[in-house]
């Protein structure tokens, strides 16, 4: 095996103190075939835990799929997945990534769920020369938030997801369909997502102005804020009929409750991140109906798994059958993350060489359950874009359903209903 001085020797003493991994798909000690270790960092607990709700379901399916091994150059390899909880904290994400790299000596590391998870993990991987694949974060806060240079890119770290240009196009598409006044209240926290979405050059302000929307941005707030009165007052004074931003669910819940108390009733509320999950909408009661958000993946997406042949609809219904809970958007991307890893493992010229594994990841050109992944045609190096649509939480029977109402920028994904104004 190629010697990796950075991670295997300098801090190798960490191994004695690291806790046992949470979930394994096999054990290296007793495996007859050689084993490839894959680290997986995810926010199992904390305010981002909704992103990790389907992790155990996805990993169980992967265990079954990988049980027979994966073939590379005529030889069978076991895949062992070691999961660690970031606790929704970027510092903790970096810490457990270092444990996976330095103590568990993973061959590839993965991460998902907002830049608070993907960026610190990718940074640890790049520093320690370990191939890394991440998803579930817009590419700008991932790439530029890590100091990426489009002329150079990164050597070991790769990411697939949509970008802010896609969410802007979908949000404005929703608002144009609504026919409301083009005055928009912006809610951007002081975190990686909020700073990227609110950035004058990379985020929403410029494109919104170009399309005739007036953005009212009162400034950054700290996550887990308990008072949005100043923001609400600014939006009311400006006559905002639209509210947008990117927030964690607790912050939107606080804002939405205080908006009602203070008589602010926008006609459209389109929020990234906070409105992705059925549990977050259920917590808002009747005021959750009619809220709008981006839709990365759904049971109606016309894609299949390269690993199992399972359709998007079958993967979503399988989750519901196994857990009794409604489908959530990260299900598809968590599955696709390991589609990409497995594909790279089968193609690597030398699975004992980190550089060969990184080269295999870089050469990926495949169809997954979330769409095509191909790093040769990204907007910047190390990034591959996936399609994005948008929609609305609408009443469905005794509950709510996330309905695709705008597919103008990904017409292959079918629309399921029409946009309805709040109130």
Foldseek 3Di string as FASTA:
>chain_A
DDDQCLQAPPPLVCQVPDDAFDDKLDDQVPDPFHEAEEEEEEACAALQNVLVPCVVVLVVVVSVLCVVAAAAPRGGYGYIYGYDHCNLALVSLLVVLSCCCRHVVHQEYEYETECSNQQSNQVSCQSRLHAYEYEHYAVCLNAVVNVHDLVPGTQRFFYEEHHQVQQLVQVVVQVVLVVDDQEEEEAAAPDSQRCQQPPCPRHDPPVSVVVPHHYDYPDHHHAPDQDCPVSLVSCVVVVAQEYEYEHRLVVVLNVVVVNVVVVNHHFAYEYEHNLQDQVSLVVNPPQSFQYKYKAQADLQQQAAAPSPRHASVRQQVVSCVVPVGGGTRSSQVSNVSVSLLSQLVRHFPDSVDSSSSSVSSQQDFDAHNRGTFHQVDDPGHSYGYTHMFMFGWHDDVPGTDTFGAGCPPPPSRDGDDHRGTDD
